Amino acid sequence: MQTKKQSFIESLVNVSIGFCITMVSLHIIFPVLGIENNSGKNIILTIYLTLLSILRNYVLRRYFNRKQTRH
């Protein structure tokens, strides 16, 4: 079973990797789709989605840890 701190660290590492992948991929996919490639907007969008991902990962990890300890 993971502690809350371990769950949070795992979420941060996972999402940090995703953040880097997203920043690179936005510069590739936006021009293909005809969307203006604005670095400032890309960073804001990526930060927003990153925060949602951290929260989602943490909540899911805690849910499954709690479920596992009950059985």
C-alpha atoms as a PDB file:
ATOM      1  CA  MET A   1       0.000   0.000   0.000  1.00  0.00           C
ATOM      2  CA  GLN A   2       1.222   3.490  -0.830  1.00  0.00           C
ATOM      3  CA  THR A   3       1.199   6.352   1.598  1.00  0.00           C
ATOM      4  CA  LYS A   4      -0.530   9.575   0.589  1.00  0.00           C
ATOM      5  CA  LYS A   5       2.882  11.151   0.054  1.00  0.00           C
ATOM      6  CA  GLN A   6       3.992   8.309  -2.223  1.00  0.00           C
ATOM      7  CA  SER A   7       0.746   8.584  -4.207  1.00  0.00           C
ATOM      8  CA  PHE A   8       1.292  12.304  -4.632  1.00  0.00           C
ATOM      9  CA  ILE A   9       4.921  11.854  -5.735  1.00  0.00           C
ATOM     10  CA  GLU A  10       3.918   9.152  -8.225  1.00  0.00           C
ATOM     11  CA  SER A  11       1.245  11.469  -9.636  1.00  0.00           C
ATOM     12  CA  LEU A  12       3.721  14.349  -9.939  1.00  0.00           C
ATOM     13  CA  VAL A  13       6.322  12.247 -11.743  1.00  0.00           C
ATOM     14  CA  ASN A  14       3.749  10.730 -14.084  1.00  0.00           C
ATOM     15  CA  VAL A  15       2.173  14.066 -14.936  1.00  0.00           C
ATOM     16  CA  SER A  16       5.530  15.845 -15.261  1.00  0.00           C
ATOM     17  CA  ILE A  17       6.485  13.427 -17.997  1.00  0.00           C
ATOM     18  CA  GLY A  18       3.084  14.008 -19.601  1.00  0.00           C
ATOM     19  CA  PHE A  19       3.621  17.781 -19.353  1.00  0.00           C
ATOM     20  CA  CYS A  20       6.828  17.563 -21.376  1.00  0.00           C
ATOM     21  CA  ILE A  21       5.252  15.287 -23.962  1.00  0.00           C
ATOM     22  CA  THR A  22       2.254  17.618 -24.283  1.00  0.00           C
ATOM     23  CA  MET A  23       4.383  20.748 -24.745  1.00  0.00           C
ATOM     24  CA  VAL A  24       6.281  19.112 -27.598  1.00  0.00           C
ATOM     25  CA  SER A  25       3.201  17.553 -29.177  1.00  0.00           C
ATOM     26  CA  LEU A  26       1.240  20.832 -29.172  1.00  0.00           C
ATOM     27  CA  HIS A  27       3.957  22.392 -31.321  1.00  0.00           C
ATOM     28  CA  ILE A  28       3.570  19.506 -33.754  1.00  0.00           C
ATOM     29  CA  ILE A  29      -0.193  18.951 -33.857  1.00  0.00           C
ATOM     30  CA  PHE A  30      -1.522  22.538 -33.747  1.00  0.00           C
ATOM     31  CA  PRO A  31       0.016  23.535 -37.103  1.00  0.00           C
ATOM     32  CA  VAL A  32      -1.249  20.293 -38.648  1.00  0.00           C
ATOM     33  CA  LEU A  33      -4.769  21.192 -37.479  1.00  0.00           C
ATOM     34  CA  GLY A  34      -4.456  24.810 -38.580  1.00  0.00           C
ATOM     35  CA  ILE A  35      -4.534  26.124 -34.998  1.00  0.00           C
ATOM     36  CA  GLU A  36      -2.366  29.133 -34.172  1.00  0.00           C
ATOM     37  CA  ASN A  37       0.727  27.967 -32.319  1.00  0.00           C
ATOM     38  CA  ASN A  38       1.082  30.453 -29.456  1.00  0.00           C
ATOM     39  CA  SER A  39       3.630  29.408 -26.830  1.00  0.00           C
ATOM     40  CA  GLY A  40       1.972  31.435 -24.049  1.00  0.00           C
ATOM     41  CA  LYS A  41      -1.425  29.875 -24.670  1.00  0.00           C
ATOM     42  CA  ASN A  42       0.153  26.434 -25.029  1.00  0.00           C
ATOM     43  CA  ILE A  43       1.785  26.777 -21.601  1.00  0.00           C
ATOM     44  CA  ILE A  44      -1.471  27.933 -19.951  1.00  0.00           C
ATOM     45  CA  LEU A  45      -3.438  25.092 -21.532  1.00  0.00           C
ATOM     46  CA  THR A  46      -0.792  22.545 -20.585  1.00  0.00           C
ATOM     47  CA  ILE A  47      -0.584  23.784 -16.976  1.00  0.00           C
ATOM     48  CA  TYR A  48      -4.373  23.602 -16.646  1.00  0.00           C
ATOM     49  CA  LEU A  49      -4.510  20.065 -18.025  1.00  0.00           C
ATOM     50  CA  THR A  50      -1.504  19.083 -15.892  1.00  0.00           C
ATOM     51  CA  LEU A  51      -3.219  20.218 -12.694  1.00  0.00           C
ATOM     52  CA  LEU A  52      -6.309  18.221 -13.647  1.00  0.00           C
ATOM     53  CA  SER A  53      -4.121  15.180 -14.325  1.00  0.00           C
ATOM     54  CA  ILE A  54      -2.350  15.433 -10.957  1.00  0.00           C
ATOM     55  CA  LEU A  55      -5.685  15.604  -9.169  1.00  0.00           C
ATOM     56  CA  ARG A  56      -7.149  12.728 -11.210  1.00  0.00           C
ATOM     57  CA  ASN A  57      -4.103  10.493 -10.690  1.00  0.00           C
ATOM     58  CA  TYR A  58      -3.949  11.195  -6.964  1.00  0.00           C
ATOM     59  CA  VAL A  59      -7.669  10.583  -6.366  1.00  0.00           C
ATOM     60  CA  LEU A  60      -7.657   7.346  -8.375  1.00  0.00           C
ATOM     61  CA  ARG A  61      -4.540   6.061  -6.614  1.00  0.00           C
ATOM     62  CA  ARG A  62      -6.025   6.800  -3.182  1.00  0.00           C
ATOM     63  CA  TYR A  63      -9.327   5.167  -4.183  1.00  0.00           C
ATOM     64  CA  PHE A  64      -7.640   1.951  -5.300  1.00  0.00           C
ATOM     65  CA  ASN A  65      -5.356   1.910  -2.247  1.00  0.00           C
ATOM     66  CA  ARG A  66      -8.368   2.248   0.041  1.00  0.00           C
ATOM     67  CA  LYS A  67     -10.253  -0.426  -1.905  1.00  0.00           C
ATOM     68  CA  GLN A  68      -7.261  -2.779  -1.701  1.00  0.00           C
ATOM     69  CA  THR A  69      -6.839  -2.386   2.070  1.00  0.00           C
ATOM     70  CA  ARG A  70     -10.521  -3.188   2.703  1.00  0.00           C
ATOM     71  CA  HIS A  71     -10.184  -6.666   1.156  1.00  0.00           C
END
